[in-house]
PDB file of N, CA and C in Angstrom:
ATOM      1  N   UNK A   1     -20.856 -79.255 -21.766  1.00  0.00           N
ATOM      2  CA  UNK A   1     -20.223 -77.971 -22.114  1.00  0.00           C
ATOM      3  C   UNK A   1     -19.690 -77.304 -20.852  1.00  0.00           C
ATOM      4  N   UNK A   2     -20.416 -77.445 -19.746  1.00  0.00           N
ATOM      5  CA  UNK A   2     -19.978 -76.840 -18.488  1.00  0.00           C
ATOM      6  C   UNK A   2     -18.655 -77.463 -18.031  1.00  0.00           C
ATOM      7  N   UNK A   3     -18.541 -78.769 -18.220  1.00  0.00           N
ATOM      8  CA  UNK A   3     -17.365 -79.477 -17.766  1.00  0.00           C
ATOM      9  C   UNK A   3     -16.137 -78.986 -18.562  1.00  0.00           C
ATOM     10  N   UNK A   4     -16.297 -78.837 -19.854  1.00  0.00           N
ATOM     11  CA  UNK A   4     -15.191 -78.368 -20.690  1.00  0.00           C
ATOM     12  C   UNK A   4     -14.744 -76.975 -20.255  1.00  0.00           C
ATOM     13  N   UNK A   5     -15.746 -76.131 -19.989  1.00  0.00           N
ATOM     14  CA  UNK A   5     -15.435 -74.770 -19.560  1.00  0.00           C
ATOM     15  C   UNK A   5     -14.655 -74.802 -18.215  1.00  0.00           C
ATOM     16  N   UNK A   6     -15.123 -75.696 -17.333  1.00  0.00           N
ATOM     17  CA  UNK A   6     -14.485 -75.781 -16.014  1.00  0.00           C
ATOM     18  C   UNK A   6     -13.029 -76.247 -16.127  1.00  0.00           C
ATOM     19  N   UNK A   7     -12.776 -77.263 -16.974  1.00  0.00           N
ATOM     20  CA  UNK A   7     -11.420 -77.747 -17.103  1.00  0.00           C
ATOM     21  C   UNK A   7     -10.536 -76.720 -17.790  1.00  0.00           C
ATOM     22  N   UNK A   8     -11.135 -75.978 -18.734  1.00  0.00           N
ATOM     23  CA  UNK A   8     -10.354 -74.895 -19.409  1.00  0.00           C
ATOM     24  C   UNK A   8      -9.948 -73.854 -18.389  1.00  0.00           C
ATOM     25  N   UNK A   9     -10.875 -73.500 -17.515  1.00  0.00           N
ATOM     26  CA  UNK A   9     -10.588 -72.498 -16.483  1.00  0.00           C
ATOM     27  C   UNK A   9      -9.511 -73.008 -15.538  1.00  0.00           C
ATOM     28  N   UNK A  10      -9.591 -74.277 -15.157  1.00  0.00           N
ATOM     29  CA  UNK A  10      -8.650 -74.835 -14.208  1.00  0.00           C
ATOM     30  C   UNK A  10      -7.247 -74.863 -14.796  1.00  0.00           C
ATOM     31  N   UNK A  11      -7.167 -74.992 -16.106  1.00  0.00           N
ATOM     32  CA  UNK A  11      -5.843 -75.059 -16.739  1.00  0.00           C
ATOM     33  C   UNK A  11      -5.209 -73.696 -16.919  1.00  0.00           C
ATOM     34  N   UNK A  12      -6.028 -72.663 -16.967  1.00  0.00           N
ATOM     35  CA  UNK A  12      -5.484 -71.307 -17.209  1.00  0.00           C
ATOM     36  C   UNK A  12      -4.860 -70.790 -15.924  1.00  0.00           C
ATOM     37  N   UNK A  13      -3.707 -70.201 -16.025  1.00  0.00           N
ATOM     38  CA  UNK A  13      -3.017 -69.714 -14.850  1.00  0.00           C
ATOM     39  C   UNK A  13      -3.660 -68.496 -14.244  1.00  0.00           C
ATOM     40  N   UNK A  14      -4.472 -67.798 -15.027  1.00  0.00           N
ATOM     41  CA  UNK A  14      -5.135 -66.600 -14.534  1.00  0.00           C
ATOM     42  C   UNK A  14      -6.279 -66.931 -13.605  1.00  0.00           C
ATOM     43  N   UNK A  15      -6.777 -68.150 -13.710  1.00  0.00           N
ATOM     44  CA  UNK A  15      -7.875 -68.589 -12.861  1.00  0.00           C
ATOM     45  C   UNK A  15      -7.338 -68.896 -11.489  1.00  0.00           C
ATOM     46  N   UNK A  16      -7.975 -68.349 -10.455  1.00  0.00           N
ATOM     47  CA  UNK A  16      -7.427 -68.463  -9.106  1.00  0.00           C
ATOM     48  C   UNK A  16      -8.322 -69.327  -8.221  1.00  0.00           C
ATOM     49  N   UNK A  17      -7.787 -70.427  -7.693  1.00  0.00           N
ATOM     50  CA  UNK A  17      -8.564 -71.286  -6.816  1.00  0.00           C
ATOM     51  C   UNK A  17      -8.956 -70.531  -5.552  1.00  0.00           C
ATOM     52  N   UNK A  18      -8.297 -69.433  -5.262  1.00  0.00           N
ATOM     53  CA  UNK A  18      -8.623 -68.599  -4.107  1.00  0.00           C
ATOM     54  C   UNK A  18     -10.077 -68.086  -4.152  1.00  0.00           C
ATOM     55  N   UNK A  19     -10.645 -68.091  -5.343  1.00  0.00           N
ATOM     56  CA  UNK A  19     -12.084 -67.682  -5.434  1.00  0.00           C
ATOM     57  C   UNK A  19     -12.949 -68.667  -4.644  1.00  0.00           C
ATOM     58  N   UNK A  20     -12.537 -69.924  -4.619  1.00  0.00           N
ATOM     59  CA  UNK A  20     -13.280 -70.938  -3.889  1.00  0.00           C
ATOM     60  C   UNK A  20     -12.796 -71.047  -2.426  1.00  0.00           C
ATOM     61  N   UNK A  21     -11.490 -70.949  -2.234  1.00  0.00           N
ATOM     62  CA  UNK A  21     -10.907 -71.165  -0.907  1.00  0.00           C
ATOM     63  C   UNK A  21     -10.100 -69.959  -0.514  1.00  0.00           C
ATOM     64  N   UNK A  22     -10.746 -68.972   0.093  1.00  0.00           N
ATOM     65  CA  UNK A  22     -10.062 -67.692   0.375  1.00  0.00           C
ATOM     66  C   UNK A  22      -8.792 -67.838   1.240  1.00  0.00           C
ATOM     67  N   UNK A  23      -8.764 -68.839   2.115  1.00  0.00           N
ATOM     68  CA  UNK A  23      -7.609 -69.021   3.014  1.00  0.00           C
ATOM     69  C   UNK A  23      -6.346 -69.275   2.174  1.00  0.00           C
ATOM     70  N   UNK A  24      -6.526 -69.937   1.054  1.00  0.00           N
ATOM     71  CA  UNK A  24      -5.362 -70.333   0.244  1.00  0.00           C
ATOM     72  C   UNK A  24      -4.829 -69.186  -0.624  1.00  0.00           C
ATOM     73  N   UNK A  25      -5.585 -68.119  -0.729  1.00  0.00           N
ATOM     74  CA  UNK A  25      -5.248 -67.046  -1.654  1.00  0.00           C
ATOM     75  C   UNK A  25      -3.814 -66.574  -1.582  1.00  0.00           C
ATOM     76  N   UNK A  26      -3.277 -66.256  -0.366  1.00  0.00           N
ATOM     77  CA  UNK A  26      -1.898 -65.756  -0.306  1.00  0.00           C
ATOM     78  C   UNK A  26      -0.887 -66.802  -0.844  1.00  0.00           C
ATOM     79  N   UNK A  27      -1.092 -68.052  -0.543  1.00  0.00           N
ATOM     80  CA  UNK A  27      -0.176 -69.096  -0.964  1.00  0.00           C
ATOM     81  C   UNK A  27      -0.252 -69.243  -2.504  1.00  0.00           C
ATOM     82  N   UNK A  28      -1.469 -69.232  -3.002  1.00  0.00           N
ATOM     83  CA  UNK A  28      -1.685 -69.475  -4.441  1.00  0.00           C
ATOM     84  C   UNK A  28      -1.090 -68.333  -5.261  1.00  0.00           C
ATOM     85  N   UNK A  29      -1.117 -67.134  -4.738  1.00  0.00           N
ATOM     86  CA  UNK A  29      -0.566 -66.007  -5.500  1.00  0.00           C
ATOM     87  C   UNK A  29       0.900 -66.280  -5.805  1.00  0.00           C
ATOM     88  N   UNK A  30       1.664 -66.697  -4.766  1.00  0.00           N
ATOM     89  CA  UNK A  30       3.077 -66.983  -4.985  1.00  0.00           C
ATOM     90  C   UNK A  30       3.247 -68.182  -5.913  1.00  0.00           C
ATOM     91  N   UNK A  31       2.394 -69.183  -5.735  1.00  0.00           N
ATOM     92  CA  UNK A  31       2.506 -70.388  -6.575  1.00  0.00           C
ATOM     93  C   UNK A  31       2.216 -70.072  -8.022  1.00  0.00           C
ATOM     94  N   UNK A  32       1.176 -69.310  -8.277  1.00  0.00           N
ATOM     95  CA  UNK A  32       0.836 -68.944  -9.637  1.00  0.00           C
ATOM     96  C   UNK A  32       1.923 -68.090 -10.276  1.00  0.00           C
ATOM     97  N   UNK A  33       2.575 -67.250  -9.453  1.00  0.00           N
ATOM     98  CA  UNK A  33       3.665 -66.411  -9.979  1.00  0.00           C
ATOM     99  C   UNK A  33       4.810 -67.324 -10.446  1.00  0.00           C
ATOM    100  N   UNK A  34       5.140 -68.343  -9.613  1.00  0.00           N
ATOM    101  CA  UNK A  34       6.196 -69.278  -9.978  1.00  0.00           C
ATOM    102  C   UNK A  34       5.797 -70.026 -11.254  1.00  0.00           C
ATOM    103  N   UNK A  35       4.578 -70.486 -11.350  1.00  0.00           N
ATOM    104  CA  UNK A  35       4.074 -71.176 -12.554  1.00  0.00           C
ATOM    105  C   UNK A  35       4.271 -70.305 -13.776  1.00  0.00           C
ATOM    106  N   UNK A  36       3.902 -69.044 -13.660  1.00  0.00           N
ATOM    107  CA  UNK A  36       4.023 -68.150 -14.789  1.00  0.00           C
ATOM    108  C   UNK A  36       5.474 -67.973 -15.202  1.00  0.00           C
ATOM    109  N   UNK A  37       6.365 -67.793 -14.194  1.00  0.00           N
ATOM    110  CA  UNK A  37       7.776 -67.601 -14.494  1.00  0.00           C
ATOM    111  C   UNK A  37       8.346 -68.830 -15.165  1.00  0.00           C
ATOM    112  N   UNK A  38       7.979 -70.016 -14.673  1.00  0.00           N
ATOM    113  CA  UNK A  38       8.471 -71.256 -15.286  1.00  0.00           C
ATOM    114  C   UNK A  38       7.988 -71.370 -16.708  1.00  0.00           C
ATOM    115  N   UNK A  39       6.736 -71.046 -16.942  1.00  0.00           N
ATOM    116  CA  UNK A  39       6.172 -71.116 -18.290  1.00  0.00           C
ATOM    117  C   UNK A  39       6.906 -70.176 -19.226  1.00  0.00           C
ATOM    118  N   UNK A  40       7.139 -68.927 -18.742  1.00  0.00           N
ATOM    119  CA  UNK A  40       7.839 -67.945 -19.585  1.00  0.00           C
ATOM    120  C   UNK A  40       9.283 -68.399 -19.838  1.00  0.00           C
ATOM    121  N   UNK A  41       9.950 -68.949 -18.815  1.00  0.00           N
ATOM    122  CA  UNK A  41      11.319 -69.361 -18.982  1.00  0.00           C
ATOM    123  C   UNK A  41      11.401 -70.502 -20.010  1.00  0.00           C
ATOM    124  N   UNK A  42      10.445 -71.424 -19.935  1.00  0.00           N
ATOM    125  CA  UNK A  42      10.440 -72.533 -20.877  1.00  0.00           C
ATOM    126  C   UNK A  42      10.271 -72.038 -22.291  1.00  0.00           C
ATOM    127  N   UNK A  43       9.307 -71.122 -22.480  1.00  0.00           N
ATOM    128  CA  UNK A  43       9.063 -70.567 -23.820  1.00  0.00           C
ATOM    129  C   UNK A  43      10.336 -69.854 -24.320  1.00  0.00           C
ATOM    130  N   UNK A  44      10.996 -69.101 -23.471  1.00  0.00           N
ATOM    131  CA  UNK A  44      12.178 -68.391 -23.866  1.00  0.00           C
ATOM    132  C   UNK A  44      13.286 -69.366 -24.263  1.00  0.00           C
ATOM    133  N   UNK A  45      13.449 -70.409 -23.443  1.00  0.00           N
ATOM    134  CA  UNK A  45      14.475 -71.410 -23.725  1.00  0.00           C
ATOM    135  C   UNK A  45      14.203 -72.089 -25.055  1.00  0.00           C
ATOM    136  N   UNK A  46      12.928 -72.412 -25.259  1.00  0.00           N
ATOM    137  CA  UNK A  46      12.508 -73.043 -26.520  1.00  0.00           C
ATOM    138  C   UNK A  46      12.860 -72.149 -27.670  1.00  0.00           C
ATOM    139  N   UNK A  47      12.516 -70.846 -27.563  1.00  0.00           N
ATOM    140  CA  UNK A  47      12.795 -69.898 -28.630  1.00  0.00           C
ATOM    141  C   UNK A  47      14.266 -69.801 -28.868  1.00  0.00           C
ATOM    142  N   UNK A  48      15.028 -69.573 -27.809  1.00  0.00           N
ATOM    143  CA  UNK A  48      16.483 -69.389 -27.937  1.00  0.00           C
ATOM    144  C   UNK A  48      17.090 -70.609 -28.608  1.00  0.00           C
ATOM    145  N   UNK A  49      16.752 -71.775 -28.090  1.00  0.00           N
ATOM    146  CA  UNK A  49      17.424 -72.976 -28.535  1.00  0.00           C
ATOM    147  C   UNK A  49      16.952 -73.443 -29.928  1.00  0.00           C
ATOM    148  N   UNK A  50      15.661 -73.619 -30.083  1.00  0.00           N
ATOM    149  CA  UNK A  50      15.168 -74.231 -31.305  1.00  0.00           C
ATOM    150  C   UNK A  50      15.050 -73.217 -32.426  1.00  0.00           C
ATOM    151  N   UNK A  51      14.426 -72.071 -32.151  1.00  0.00           N
ATOM    152  CA  UNK A  51      14.172 -71.105 -33.222  1.00  0.00           C
ATOM    153  C   UNK A  51      15.482 -70.547 -33.770  1.00  0.00           C
ATOM    154  N   UNK A  52      16.428 -70.211 -32.859  1.00  0.00           N
ATOM    155  CA  UNK A  52      17.713 -69.690 -33.307  1.00  0.00           C
ATOM    156  C   UNK A  52      18.476 -70.770 -34.096  1.00  0.00           C
ATOM    157  N   UNK A  53      18.411 -72.011 -33.622  1.00  0.00           N
ATOM    158  CA  UNK A  53      19.068 -73.118 -34.358  1.00  0.00           C
ATOM    159  C   UNK A  53      18.511 -73.220 -35.765  1.00  0.00           C
ATOM    160  N   UNK A  54      17.197 -73.141 -35.878  1.00  0.00           N
ATOM    161  CA  UNK A  54      16.559 -73.223 -37.194  1.00  0.00           C
ATOM    162  C   UNK A  54      17.013 -72.071 -38.081  1.00  0.00           C
ATOM    163  N   UNK A  55      17.121 -70.889 -37.481  1.00  0.00           N
ATOM    164  CA  UNK A  55      17.559 -69.722 -38.283  1.00  0.00           C
ATOM    165  C   UNK A  55      18.983 -69.946 -38.769  1.00  0.00           C
ATOM    166  N   UNK A  56      19.850 -70.436 -37.869  1.00  0.00           N
ATOM    167  CA  UNK A  56      21.228 -70.721 -38.260  1.00  0.00           C
ATOM    168  C   UNK A  56      21.276 -71.724 -39.392  1.00  0.00           C
ATOM    169  N   UNK A  57      20.543 -72.794 -39.232  1.00  0.00           N
ATOM    170  CA  UNK A  57      20.495 -73.812 -40.263  1.00  0.00           C
ATOM    171  C   UNK A  57      20.000 -73.240 -41.590  1.00  0.00           C
ATOM    172  N   UNK A  58      18.966 -72.445 -41.495  1.00  0.00           N
ATOM    173  CA  UNK A  58      18.396 -71.818 -42.684  1.00  0.00           C
ATOM    174  C   UNK A  58      19.417 -70.901 -43.364  1.00  0.00           C
ATOM    175  N   UNK A  59      20.135 -70.120 -42.578  1.00  0.00           N
ATOM    176  CA  UNK A  59      21.084 -69.167 -43.159  1.00  0.00           C
ATOM    177  C   UNK A  59      22.271 -69.879 -43.759  1.00  0.00           C
ATOM    178  N   UNK A  60      22.722 -70.982 -43.148  1.00  0.00           N
ATOM    179  CA  UNK A  60      23.870 -71.717 -43.700  1.00  0.00           C
ATOM    180  C   UNK A  60      23.458 -72.427 -45.008  1.00  0.00           C
ATOM    181  N   UNK A  61      22.236 -72.922 -45.040  1.00  0.00           N
ATOM    182  CA  UNK A  61      21.762 -73.604 -46.265  1.00  0.00           C
ATOM    183  C   UNK A  61      21.679 -72.617 -47.426  1.00  0.00           C
ATOM    184  N   UNK A  62      21.176 -71.427 -47.173  1.00  0.00           N
ATOM    185  CA  UNK A  62      20.967 -70.474 -48.251  1.00  0.00           C
ATOM    186  C   UNK A  62      22.311 -69.945 -48.770  1.00  0.00           C
ATOM    187  N   UNK A  63      23.342 -69.974 -47.926  1.00  0.00           N
ATOM    188  CA  UNK A  63      24.668 -69.507 -48.375  1.00  0.00           C
ATOM    189  C   UNK A  63      25.327 -70.504 -49.333  1.00  0.00           C
ATOM    190  N   UNK A  64      25.227 -71.796 -48.993  1.00  0.00           N
ATOM    191  CA  UNK A  64      25.925 -72.791 -49.794  1.00  0.00           C
ATOM    192  C   UNK A  64      25.216 -73.068 -51.112  1.00  0.00           C
TER     193      UNK A  64
END
């Protein structure tokens, strides 16, 4: 159970390795920010591209 908890923590972006290695904290803050931005950009791209396409398809089907 502890191992699962540990891997879940390691995968979450909010978990900071700086807790273990204080020297890395300033670098990690920037890195985690980039990770978060990339994640958000991917989600937005996915929404824009796939969800909007599905809506378009759905609306054209209901018209015909």
